[in-house]
PDB file of N, CA and C in Angstrom:
ATOM      1  N   MET A   1     159.314 163.312 256.420  1.00  0.00           N
ATOM      2  CA  MET A   1     159.672 164.312 257.385  1.00  0.00           C
ATOM      3  C   MET A   1     159.222 165.656 256.847  1.00  0.00           C
ATOM      4  N   THR A   2     158.324 166.347 257.525  1.00  0.00           N
ATOM      5  CA  THR A   2     157.888 167.672 257.153  1.00  0.00           C
ATOM      6  C   THR A   2     158.204 168.606 258.305  1.00  0.00           C
ATOM      7  N   LEU A   3     158.888 169.681 257.992  1.00  0.00           N
ATOM      8  CA  LEU A   3     159.305 170.616 259.029  1.00  0.00           C
ATOM      9  C   LEU A   3     158.870 172.016 258.663  1.00  0.00           C
ATOM     10  N   ALA A   4     158.488 172.807 259.635  1.00  0.00           N
ATOM     11  CA  ALA A   4     158.170 174.208 259.412  1.00  0.00           C
ATOM     12  C   ALA A   4     159.415 175.030 259.680  1.00  0.00           C
ATOM     13  N   MET A   5     159.516 176.184 258.996  1.00  0.00           N
ATOM     14  CA  MET A   5     160.670 177.027 259.201  1.00  0.00           C
ATOM     15  C   MET A   5     160.802 177.368 260.676  1.00  0.00           C
ATOM     16  N   GLY A   6     162.010 177.358 261.155  1.00  0.00           N
ATOM     17  CA  GLY A   6     162.241 177.631 262.567  1.00  0.00           C
ATOM     18  C   GLY A   6     162.444 176.360 263.360  1.00  0.00           C
ATOM     19  N   THR A   7     162.072 175.232 262.795  1.00  0.00           N
ATOM     20  CA  THR A   7     162.299 173.945 263.429  1.00  0.00           C
ATOM     21  C   THR A   7     163.530 173.333 262.789  1.00  0.00           C
ATOM     22  N   GLN A   8     164.487 172.927 263.575  1.00  0.00           N
ATOM     23  CA  GLN A   8     165.689 172.339 263.022  1.00  0.00           C
ATOM     24  C   GLN A   8     165.421 170.927 262.536  1.00  0.00           C
ATOM     25  N   ALA A   9     166.020 170.608 261.393  1.00  0.00           N
ATOM     26  CA  ALA A   9     165.941 169.229 260.906  1.00  0.00           C
ATOM     27  C   ALA A   9     166.778 168.352 261.812  1.00  0.00           C
ATOM     28  N   MET A  10     166.284 167.187 262.105  1.00  0.00           N
ATOM     29  CA  MET A  10     166.990 166.267 262.983  1.00  0.00           C
ATOM     30  C   MET A  10     167.856 165.337 262.147  1.00  0.00           C
ATOM     31  N   PRO A  11     169.020 164.967 262.635  1.00  0.00           N
ATOM     32  CA  PRO A  11     169.855 164.010 261.910  1.00  0.00           C
ATOM     33  C   PRO A  11     169.103 162.702 261.681  1.00  0.00           C
ATOM     34  N   SER A  12     169.454 162.043 260.605  1.00  0.00           N
ATOM     35  CA  SER A  12     168.789 160.811 260.223  1.00  0.00           C
ATOM     36  C   SER A  12     169.014 159.698 261.246  1.00  0.00           C
ATOM     37  N   THR A  13     167.987 158.900 261.435  1.00  0.00           N
ATOM     38  CA  THR A  13     168.119 157.708 262.260  1.00  0.00           C
ATOM     39  C   THR A  13     168.485 156.510 261.395  1.00  0.00           C
ATOM     40  N   GLY A  14     168.683 156.767 260.094  1.00  0.00           N
ATOM     41  CA  GLY A  14     169.082 155.703 259.188  1.00  0.00           C
ATOM     42  C   GLY A  14     167.937 155.130 258.386  1.00  0.00           C
ATOM     43  N   ASN A  15     166.680 155.417 258.740  1.00  0.00           N
ATOM     44  CA  ASN A  15     165.568 154.829 258.012  1.00  0.00           C
ATOM     45  C   ASN A  15     164.784 155.858 257.198  1.00  0.00           C
ATOM     46  N   GLN A  16     165.201 157.096 257.186  1.00  0.00           N
ATOM     47  CA  GLN A  16     164.512 158.100 256.390  1.00  0.00           C
ATOM     48  C   GLN A  16     164.946 157.974 254.937  1.00  0.00           C
ATOM     49  N   THR A  17     163.991 158.130 254.013  1.00  0.00           N
ATOM     50  CA  THR A  17     164.310 158.050 252.599  1.00  0.00           C
ATOM     51  C   THR A  17     164.050 159.357 251.867  1.00  0.00           C
ATOM     52  N   HIS A  18     163.304 160.282 252.477  1.00  0.00           N
ATOM     53  CA  HIS A  18     163.023 161.559 251.840  1.00  0.00           C
ATOM     54  C   HIS A  18     162.549 162.554 252.901  1.00  0.00           C
ATOM     55  N   GLY A  19     162.558 163.828 252.534  1.00  0.00           N
ATOM     56  CA  GLY A  19     162.102 164.849 253.463  1.00  0.00           C
ATOM     57  C   GLY A  19     161.917 166.171 252.770  1.00  0.00           C
ATOM     58  N   GLN A  20     161.368 167.136 253.504  1.00  0.00           N
ATOM     59  CA  GLN A  20     161.139 168.460 252.936  1.00  0.00           C
ATOM     60  C   GLN A  20     161.242 169.519 254.010  1.00  0.00           C
ATOM     61  N   MET A  21     161.403 170.759 253.553  1.00  0.00           N
ATOM     62  CA  MET A  21     161.417 171.918 254.430  1.00  0.00           C
ATOM     63  C   MET A  21     160.580 173.003 253.764  1.00  0.00           C
ATOM     64  N   GLU A  22     159.652 173.586 254.517  1.00  0.00           N
ATOM     65  CA  GLU A  22     158.883 174.722 254.030  1.00  0.00           C
ATOM     66  C   GLU A  22     159.607 175.980 254.455  1.00  0.00           C
ATOM     67  N   LEU A  23     159.872 176.869 253.495  1.00  0.00           N
ATOM     68  CA  LEU A  23     160.604 178.106 253.745  1.00  0.00           C
ATOM     69  C   LEU A  23     159.645 179.258 253.473  1.00  0.00           C
ATOM     70  N   SER A  24     158.853 179.631 254.485  1.00  0.00           N
ATOM     71  CA  SER A  24     157.713 180.500 254.246  1.00  0.00           C
ATOM     72  C   SER A  24     157.899 181.968 254.580  1.00  0.00           C
ATOM     73  N   ASN A  25     158.937 182.359 255.290  1.00  0.00           N
ATOM     74  CA  ASN A  25     159.082 183.756 255.672  1.00  0.00           C
ATOM     75  C   ASN A  25     159.969 184.476 254.678  1.00  0.00           C
ATOM     76  N   SER A  26     159.356 185.316 253.824  1.00  0.00           N
ATOM     77  CA  SER A  26     160.112 186.000 252.777  1.00  0.00           C
ATOM     78  C   SER A  26     160.987 187.126 253.320  1.00  0.00           C
ATOM     79  N   ASN A  27     160.887 187.438 254.607  1.00  0.00           N
ATOM     80  CA  ASN A  27     161.672 188.516 255.187  1.00  0.00           C
ATOM     81  C   ASN A  27     163.032 188.073 255.711  1.00  0.00           C
ATOM     82  N   VAL A  28     163.293 186.770 255.743  1.00  0.00           N
ATOM     83  CA  VAL A  28     164.576 186.263 256.221  1.00  0.00           C
ATOM     84  C   VAL A  28     165.174 185.337 255.176  1.00  0.00           C
ATOM     85  N   SER A  29     166.425 185.029 255.320  1.00  0.00           N
ATOM     86  CA  SER A  29     167.111 184.137 254.393  1.00  0.00           C
ATOM     87  C   SER A  29     167.602 182.908 255.139  1.00  0.00           C
ATOM     88  N   PRO A  30     166.698 181.981 255.474  1.00  0.00           N
ATOM     89  CA  PRO A  30     167.127 180.795 256.209  1.00  0.00           C
ATOM     90  C   PRO A  30     167.941 179.863 255.325  1.00  0.00           C
ATOM     91  N   PHE A  31     168.901 179.231 255.919  1.00  0.00           N
ATOM     92  CA  PHE A  31     169.644 178.193 255.226  1.00  0.00           C
ATOM     93  C   PHE A  31     170.188 177.248 256.278  1.00  0.00           C
ATOM     94  N   SER A  32     170.455 176.051 255.856  1.00  0.00           N
ATOM     95  CA  SER A  32     170.941 175.064 256.795  1.00  0.00           C
ATOM     96  C   SER A  32     171.676 173.970 256.044  1.00  0.00           C
ATOM     97  N   VAL A  33     172.613 173.349 256.705  1.00  0.00           N
ATOM     98  CA  VAL A  33     173.269 172.146 256.200  1.00  0.00           C
ATOM     99  C   VAL A  33     173.100 171.097 257.296  1.00  0.00           C
ATOM    100  N   VAL A  34     172.421 170.009 256.966  1.00  0.00           N
ATOM    101  CA  VAL A  34     172.123 168.972 257.952  1.00  0.00           C
ATOM    102  C   VAL A  34     172.411 167.598 257.367  1.00  0.00           C
ATOM    103  N   ASN A  35     172.618 166.637 258.241  1.00  0.00           N
ATOM    104  CA  ASN A  35     172.776 165.246 257.844  1.00  0.00           C
ATOM    105  C   ASN A  35     171.424 164.559 257.986  1.00  0.00           C
ATOM    106  N   VAL A  36     170.879 164.126 256.849  1.00  0.00           N
ATOM    107  CA  VAL A  36     169.584 163.435 256.837  1.00  0.00           C
ATOM    108  C   VAL A  36     169.642 162.269 255.866  1.00  0.00           C
ATOM    109  N   GLY A  37     168.960 161.202 256.197  1.00  0.00           N
ATOM    110  CA  GLY A  37     168.846 160.069 255.300  1.00  0.00           C
ATOM    111  C   GLY A  37     170.173 159.456 254.892  1.00  0.00           C
ATOM    112  N   GLY A  38     171.199 159.630 255.702  1.00  0.00           N
ATOM    113  CA  GLY A  38     172.505 159.084 255.389  1.00  0.00           C
ATOM    114  C   GLY A  38     173.358 159.971 254.501  1.00  0.00           C
ATOM    115  N   GLY A  39     172.850 161.165 254.173  1.00  0.00           N
ATOM    116  CA  GLY A  39     173.584 162.093 253.317  1.00  0.00           C
ATOM    117  C   GLY A  39     173.617 163.492 253.910  1.00  0.00           C
ATOM    118  N   THR A  40     174.095 164.435 253.125  1.00  0.00           N
ATOM    119  CA  THR A  40     174.210 165.832 253.545  1.00  0.00           C
ATOM    120  C   THR A  40     173.284 166.680 252.695  1.00  0.00           C
ATOM    121  N   TRP A  41     172.443 167.507 253.369  1.00  0.00           N
ATOM    122  CA  TRP A  41     171.454 168.335 252.681  1.00  0.00           C
ATOM    123  C   TRP A  41     171.717 169.792 253.005  1.00  0.00           C
ATOM    124  N   ASP A  42     171.910 170.593 251.967  1.00  0.00           N
ATOM    125  CA  ASP A  42     172.091 172.041 252.060  1.00  0.00           C
ATOM    126  C   ASP A  42     170.865 172.663 251.399  1.00  0.00           C
ATOM    127  N   TYR A  43     170.088 173.434 252.151  1.00  0.00           N
ATOM    128  CA  TYR A  43     168.859 174.006 251.608  1.00  0.00           C
ATOM    129  C   TYR A  43     168.655 175.415 252.156  1.00  0.00           C
ATOM    130  N   GLY A  44     167.844 176.197 251.452  1.00  0.00           N
ATOM    131  CA  GLY A  44     167.537 177.531 251.955  1.00  0.00           C
ATOM    132  C   GLY A  44     166.850 178.390 250.919  1.00  0.00           C
ATOM    133  N   THR A  45     166.681 179.648 251.285  1.00  0.00           N
ATOM    134  CA  THR A  45     166.050 180.626 250.412  1.00  0.00           C
ATOM    135  C   THR A  45     166.633 181.990 250.699  1.00  0.00           C
ATOM    136  N   GLY A  46     166.607 182.843 249.703  1.00  0.00           N
ATOM    137  CA  GLY A  46     167.107 184.202 249.863  1.00  0.00           C
ATOM    138  C   GLY A  46     166.667 185.054 248.685  1.00  0.00           C
ATOM    139  N   ALA A  47     166.868 186.343 248.799  1.00  0.00           N
ATOM    140  CA  ALA A  47     166.508 187.272 247.730  1.00  0.00           C
ATOM    141  C   ALA A  47     167.595 187.270 246.658  1.00  0.00           C
ATOM    142  N   SER A  48     167.160 187.346 245.413  1.00  0.00           N
ATOM    143  CA  SER A  48     168.058 187.493 244.276  1.00  0.00           C
ATOM    144  C   SER A  48     167.444 188.553 243.377  1.00  0.00           C
ATOM    145  N   GLY A  49     167.862 189.791 243.592  1.00  0.00           N
ATOM    146  CA  GLY A  49     167.211 190.890 242.891  1.00  0.00           C
ATOM    147  C   GLY A  49     165.782 191.012 243.379  1.00  0.00           C
ATOM    148  N   SER A  50     164.834 191.001 242.447  1.00  0.00           N
ATOM    149  CA  SER A  50     163.423 191.103 242.826  1.00  0.00           C
ATOM    150  C   SER A  50     162.773 189.736 243.000  1.00  0.00           C
ATOM    151  N   GLN A  51     163.558 188.668 242.906  1.00  0.00           N
ATOM    152  CA  GLN A  51     163.007 187.325 243.014  1.00  0.00           C
ATOM    153  C   GLN A  51     163.488 186.610 244.269  1.00  0.00           C
ATOM    154  N   LYS A  52     162.772 185.554 244.613  1.00  0.00           N
ATOM    155  CA  LYS A  52     163.188 184.655 245.689  1.00  0.00           C
ATOM    156  C   LYS A  52     163.967 183.501 245.065  1.00  0.00           C
ATOM    157  N   HIS A  53     165.104 183.189 245.636  1.00  0.00           N
ATOM    158  CA  HIS A  53     165.914 182.037 245.215  1.00  0.00           C
ATOM    159  C   HIS A  53     165.734 180.956 246.275  1.00  0.00           C
ATOM    160  N   CYS A  54     165.404 179.763 245.856  1.00  0.00           N
ATOM    161  CA  CYS A  54     165.271 178.624 246.763  1.00  0.00           C
ATOM    162  C   CYS A  54     166.163 177.520 246.230  1.00  0.00           C
ATOM    163  N   TRP A  55     166.908 176.854 247.132  1.00  0.00           N
ATOM    164  CA  TRP A  55     167.784 175.780 246.691  1.00  0.00           C
ATOM    165  C   TRP A  55     167.658 174.559 247.583  1.00  0.00           C
ATOM    166  N   SER A  56     167.990 173.427 247.002  1.00  0.00           N
ATOM    167  CA  SER A  56     168.055 172.153 247.705  1.00  0.00           C
ATOM    168  C   SER A  56     169.193 171.370 247.075  1.00  0.00           C
ATOM    169  N   HIS A  57     170.260 171.172 247.826  1.00  0.00           N
ATOM    170  CA  HIS A  57     171.447 170.458 247.347  1.00  0.00           C
ATOM    171  C   HIS A  57     171.658 169.262 248.262  1.00  0.00           C
ATOM    172  N   TYR A  58     171.653 168.068 247.694  1.00  0.00           N
ATOM    173  CA  TYR A  58     171.743 166.847 248.501  1.00  0.00           C
ATOM    174  C   TYR A  58     172.836 165.935 247.948  1.00  0.00           C
ATOM    175  N   ASN A  59     173.591 165.328 248.856  1.00  0.00           N
ATOM    176  CA  ASN A  59     174.644 164.394 248.489  1.00  0.00           C
ATOM    177  C   ASN A  59     174.506 163.152 249.362  1.00  0.00           C
ATOM    178  N   HIS A  60     174.390 161.997 248.711  1.00  0.00           N
ATOM    179  CA  HIS A  60     174.354 160.738 249.441  1.00  0.00           C
ATOM    180  C   HIS A  60     175.561 159.916 249.002  1.00  0.00           C
ATOM    181  N   PRO A  61     176.343 159.382 249.943  1.00  0.00           N
ATOM    182  CA  PRO A  61     177.577 158.685 249.577  1.00  0.00           C
ATOM    183  C   PRO A  61     177.370 157.325 248.904  1.00  0.00           C
ATOM    184  N   ASP A  62     176.212 156.700 249.076  1.00  0.00           N
ATOM    185  CA  ASP A  62     176.006 155.338 248.581  1.00  0.00           C
ATOM    186  C   ASP A  62     174.878 155.179 247.566  1.00  0.00           C
ATOM    187  N   ASN A  63     173.903 156.087 247.538  1.00  0.00           N
ATOM    188  CA  ASN A  63     172.699 155.907 246.726  1.00  0.00           C
ATOM    189  C   ASN A  63     172.575 156.953 245.630  1.00  0.00           C
ATOM    190  N   TYR A  64     171.962 156.551 244.514  1.00  0.00           N
ATOM    191  CA  TYR A  64     171.463 157.503 243.526  1.00  0.00           C
ATOM    192  C   TYR A  64     170.397 158.318 244.239  1.00  0.00           C
ATOM    193  N   HIS A  65     170.356 159.636 244.057  1.00  0.00           N
ATOM    194  CA  HIS A  65     169.487 160.485 244.867  1.00  0.00           C
ATOM    195  C   HIS A  65     169.031 161.716 244.082  1.00  0.00           C
ATOM    196  N   SER A  66     168.121 162.491 244.694  1.00  0.00           N
ATOM    197  CA  SER A  66     167.629 163.700 244.040  1.00  0.00           C
ATOM    198  C   SER A  66     167.364 164.790 245.060  1.00  0.00           C
ATOM    199  N   SER A  67     167.236 165.990 244.537  1.00  0.00           N
ATOM    200  CA  SER A  67     166.791 167.125 245.337  1.00  0.00           C
ATOM    201  C   SER A  67     165.866 167.964 244.460  1.00  0.00           C
ATOM    202  N   THR A  68     164.938 168.645 245.115  1.00  0.00           N
ATOM    203  CA  THR A  68     163.962 169.476 244.418  1.00  0.00           C
ATOM    204  C   THR A  68     163.814 170.795 245.158  1.00  0.00           C
ATOM    205  N   ALA A  69     163.710 171.885 244.390  1.00  0.00           N
ATOM    206  CA  ALA A  69     163.431 173.209 244.950  1.00  0.00           C
ATOM    207  C   ALA A  69     162.199 173.755 244.239  1.00  0.00           C
ATOM    208  N   LYS A  70     161.341 174.439 245.013  1.00  0.00           N
ATOM    209  CA  LYS A  70     160.092 174.961 244.454  1.00  0.00           C
ATOM    210  C   LYS A  70     159.796 176.337 245.042  1.00  0.00           C
ATOM    211  N   VAL A  71     159.395 177.273 244.189  1.00  0.00           N
ATOM    212  CA  VAL A  71     158.872 178.578 244.603  1.00  0.00           C
ATOM    213  C   VAL A  71     157.668 178.848 243.711  1.00  0.00           C
ATOM    214  N   GLY A  72     156.487 178.987 244.325  1.00  0.00           N
ATOM    215  CA  GLY A  72     155.273 179.185 243.532  1.00  0.00           C
ATOM    216  C   GLY A  72     155.084 178.021 242.581  1.00  0.00           C
ATOM    217  N   THR A  73     154.977 178.318 241.269  1.00  0.00           N
ATOM    218  CA  THR A  73     154.790 177.264 240.275  1.00  0.00           C
ATOM    219  C   THR A  73     156.107 176.841 239.621  1.00  0.00           C
ATOM    220  N   SER A  74     157.221 177.448 240.025  1.00  0.00           N
ATOM    221  CA  SER A  74     158.530 177.099 239.465  1.00  0.00           C
ATOM    222  C   SER A  74     159.152 175.961 240.265  1.00  0.00           C
ATOM    223  N   ILE A  75     159.574 174.908 239.554  1.00  0.00           N
ATOM    224  CA  ILE A  75     160.144 173.720 240.196  1.00  0.00           C
ATOM    225  C   ILE A  75     161.418 173.312 239.454  1.00  0.00           C
ATOM    226  N   ASP A  76     162.438 172.937 240.211  1.00  0.00           N
ATOM    227  CA  ASP A  76     163.658 172.375 239.641  1.00  0.00           C
ATOM    228  C   ASP A  76     163.976 171.099 240.404  1.00  0.00           C
ATOM    229  N   LYS A  77     164.133 169.992 239.674  1.00  0.00           N
ATOM    230  CA  LYS A  77     164.482 168.712 240.288  1.00  0.00           C
ATOM    231  C   LYS A  77     165.741 168.208 239.610  1.00  0.00           C
ATOM    232  N   LYS A  78     166.719 167.841 240.437  1.00  0.00           N
ATOM    233  CA  LYS A  78     167.982 167.335 239.916  1.00  0.00           C
ATOM    234  C   LYS A  78     168.285 165.974 240.533  1.00  0.00           C
ATOM    235  N   TYR A  79     169.029 165.147 239.772  1.00  0.00           N
ATOM    236  CA  TYR A  79     169.426 163.810 240.188  1.00  0.00           C
ATOM    237  C   TYR A  79     170.947 163.739 240.197  1.00  0.00           C
ATOM    238  N   ALA A  80     171.495 162.827 241.009  1.00  0.00           N
ATOM    239  CA  ALA A  80     172.947 162.645 241.042  1.00  0.00           C
ATOM    240  C   ALA A  80     173.293 161.225 241.456  1.00  0.00           C
ATOM    241  N   ASN A  81     174.452 160.790 241.005  1.00  0.00           N
ATOM    242  CA  ASN A  81     174.991 159.494 241.417  1.00  0.00           C
ATOM    243  C   ASN A  81     175.549 159.587 242.826  1.00  0.00           C
ATOM    244  N   ALA A  82     175.761 158.454 243.445  1.00  0.00           N
ATOM    245  CA  ALA A  82     176.335 158.398 244.790  1.00  0.00           C
ATOM    246  C   ALA A  82     177.626 159.202 244.836  1.00  0.00           C
ATOM    247  N   GLY A  83     177.769 159.997 245.891  1.00  0.00           N
ATOM    248  CA  GLY A  83     178.973 160.774 246.103  1.00  0.00           C
ATOM    249  C   GLY A  83     178.990 162.135 245.435  1.00  0.00           C
ATOM    250  N   SER A  84     177.979 162.467 244.652  1.00  0.00           N
ATOM    251  CA  SER A  84     177.879 163.769 243.992  1.00  0.00           C
ATOM    252  C   SER A  84     176.643 164.508 244.485  1.00  0.00           C
ATOM    253  N   TYR A  85     176.684 165.829 244.440  1.00  0.00           N
ATOM    254  CA  TYR A  85     175.527 166.632 244.845  1.00  0.00           C
ATOM    255  C   TYR A  85     174.510 166.736 243.723  1.00  0.00           C
ATOM    256  N   SER A  86     173.236 166.572 244.060  1.00  0.00           N
ATOM    257  CA  SER A  86     172.139 166.960 243.176  1.00  0.00           C
ATOM    258  C   SER A  86     171.849 168.419 243.530  1.00  0.00           C
ATOM    259  N   LEU A  87     171.904 169.295 242.536  1.00  0.00           N
ATOM    260  CA  LEU A  87     171.847 170.743 242.779  1.00  0.00           C
ATOM    261  C   LEU A  87     170.593 171.334 242.151  1.00  0.00           C
ATOM    262  N   ALA A  88     169.527 171.449 242.946  1.00  0.00           N
ATOM    263  CA  ALA A  88     168.277 172.038 242.474  1.00  0.00           C
ATOM    264  C   ALA A  88     168.209 173.494 242.941  1.00  0.00           C
ATOM    265  N   ASP A  89     168.002 174.410 241.998  1.00  0.00           N
ATOM    266  CA  ASP A  89     167.882 175.843 242.286  1.00  0.00           C
ATOM    267  C   ASP A  89     166.732 176.395 241.471  1.00  0.00           C
ATOM    268  N   VAL A  90     165.912 177.240 242.100  1.00  0.00           N
ATOM    269  CA  VAL A  90     164.764 177.811 241.405  1.00  0.00           C
ATOM    270  C   VAL A  90     164.561 179.254 241.858  1.00  0.00           C
ATOM    271  N   TYR A  91     163.931 180.045 240.990  1.00  0.00           N
ATOM    272  CA  TYR A  91     163.644 181.453 241.281  1.00  0.00           C
ATOM    273  C   TYR A  91     162.168 181.700 241.038  1.00  0.00           C
ATOM    274  N   GLY A  92     161.570 182.539 241.887  1.00  0.00           N
ATOM    275  CA  GLY A  92     160.155 182.861 241.751  1.00  0.00           C
ATOM    276  C   GLY A  92     159.820 184.146 242.486  1.00  0.00           C
ATOM    277  N   PRO A  93     158.545 184.485 242.552  1.00  0.00           N
ATOM    278  CA  PRO A  93     158.114 185.726 243.203  1.00  0.00           C
ATOM    279  C   PRO A  93     158.480 185.761 244.695  1.00  0.00           C
ATOM    280  N   GLN A  94     158.911 186.919 245.183  1.00  0.00           N
ATOM    281  CA  GLN A  94     159.292 187.093 246.584  1.00  0.00           C
ATOM    282  C   GLN A  94     158.191 186.662 247.554  1.00  0.00           C
ATOM    283  N   GLY A  95     156.945 186.918 247.230  1.00  0.00           N
ATOM    284  CA  GLY A  95     155.856 186.630 248.152  1.00  0.00           C
ATOM    285  C   GLY A  95     155.456 185.168 248.238  1.00  0.00           C
ATOM    286  N   GLN A  96     156.032 184.314 247.419  1.00  0.00           N
ATOM    287  CA  GLN A  96     155.661 182.906 247.398  1.00  0.00           C
ATOM    288  C   GLN A  96     156.478 182.111 248.418  1.00  0.00           C
ATOM    289  N   THR A  97     155.889 181.038 248.898  1.00  0.00           N
ATOM    290  CA  THR A  97     156.575 180.137 249.821  1.00  0.00           C
ATOM    291  C   THR A  97     157.543 179.256 249.035  1.00  0.00           C
ATOM    292  N   GLY A  98     158.723 179.043 249.601  1.00  0.00           N
ATOM    293  CA  GLY A  98     159.697 178.143 249.001  1.00  0.00           C
ATOM    294  C   GLY A  98     159.640 176.784 249.680  1.00  0.00           C
ATOM    295  N   TYR A  99     159.972 175.752 248.942  1.00  0.00           N
ATOM    296  CA  TYR A  99     160.031 174.395 249.474  1.00  0.00           C
ATOM    297  C   TYR A  99     161.315 173.735 248.987  1.00  0.00           C
ATOM    298  N   ALA A 100     161.931 172.944 249.849  1.00  0.00           N
ATOM    299  CA  ALA A 100     163.125 172.175 249.502  1.00  0.00           C
ATOM    300  C   ALA A 100     162.878 170.725 249.881  1.00  0.00           C
ATOM    301  N   TYR A 101     163.281 169.803 249.001  1.00  0.00           N
ATOM    302  CA  TYR A 101     163.049 168.375 249.201  1.00  0.00           C
ATOM    303  C   TYR A 101     164.334 167.592 248.929  1.00  0.00           C
ATOM    304  N   TRP A 102     164.467 166.430 249.544  1.00  0.00           N
ATOM    305  CA  TRP A 102     165.550 165.491 249.251  1.00  0.00           C
ATOM    306  C   TRP A 102     164.967 164.085 249.187  1.00  0.00           C
ATOM    307  N   ASP A 103     165.652 163.198 248.450  1.00  0.00           N
ATOM    308  CA  ASP A 103     165.215 161.805 248.323  1.00  0.00           C
ATOM    309  C   ASP A 103     166.462 160.943 248.106  1.00  0.00           C
ATOM    310  N   ASN A 104     166.710 159.993 249.014  1.00  0.00           N
ATOM    311  CA  ASN A 104     167.898 159.142 248.882  1.00  0.00           C
ATOM    312  C   ASN A 104     167.611 157.819 248.190  1.00  0.00           C
ATOM    313  N   GLU A 105     166.404 157.648 247.673  1.00  0.00           N
ATOM    314  CA  GLU A 105     166.026 156.463 246.893  1.00  0.00           C
ATOM    315  C   GLU A 105     165.396 156.871 245.572  1.00  0.00           C
ATOM    316  N   ALA A 106     165.957 157.879 244.942  1.00  0.00           N
ATOM    317  CA  ALA A 106     165.396 158.418 243.702  1.00  0.00           C
ATOM    318  C   ALA A 106     165.471 157.374 242.585  1.00  0.00           C
ATOM    319  N   VAL A 107     164.526 157.459 241.685  1.00  0.00           N
ATOM    320  CA  VAL A 107     164.482 156.623 240.497  1.00  0.00           C
ATOM    321  C   VAL A 107     164.829 157.522 239.314  1.00  0.00           C
ATOM    322  N   PRO A 108     165.787 157.113 238.470  1.00  0.00           N
ATOM    323  CA  PRO A 108     166.148 157.962 237.337  1.00  0.00           C
ATOM    324  C   PRO A 108     164.934 158.272 236.473  1.00  0.00           C
ATOM    325  N   PRO A 109     164.866 159.490 235.952  1.00  0.00           N
ATOM    326  CA  PRO A 109     163.738 159.821 235.052  1.00  0.00           C
ATOM    327  C   PRO A 109     163.813 159.000 233.781  1.00  0.00           C
ATOM    328  N   SER A 110     162.676 158.799 233.139  1.00  0.00           N
ATOM    329  CA  SER A 110     162.632 158.050 231.882  1.00  0.00           C
ATOM    330  C   SER A 110     163.555 158.684 230.854  1.00  0.00           C
ATOM    331  N   GLY A 111     164.251 157.844 230.118  1.00  0.00           N
ATOM    332  CA  GLY A 111     165.136 158.353 229.081  1.00  0.00           C
ATOM    333  C   GLY A 111     166.529 158.694 229.567  1.00  0.00           C
ATOM    334  N   SER A 112     166.811 158.457 230.858  1.00  0.00           N
ATOM    335  CA  SER A 112     168.151 158.776 231.377  1.00  0.00           C
ATOM    336  C   SER A 112     169.098 157.623 231.182  1.00  0.00           C
TER     337      SER A 112
END
């Protein structure tokens, strides 16, 4: 699922396993909480001092899952067990596009 800013994310039909949102307008602070992939996704972007803050927080009640936030070359990816939020937050240049991702079938990173 790829969505452009200004398009609302649609609730999951039950078969989605991952998705993303492009947060490209640095003049506004979009945020949303939606039900996707059987879980709850809180994502958005906003100013934090002279930087852009982008976040992706995802909670799935049954699956190990992840969320990722990206601004420019800065990336934060977090994992969580079922029933807990994966909390990805990243900061980067104001002029860069932010991206938020979720995945309800995440595979634990090596060494976890």
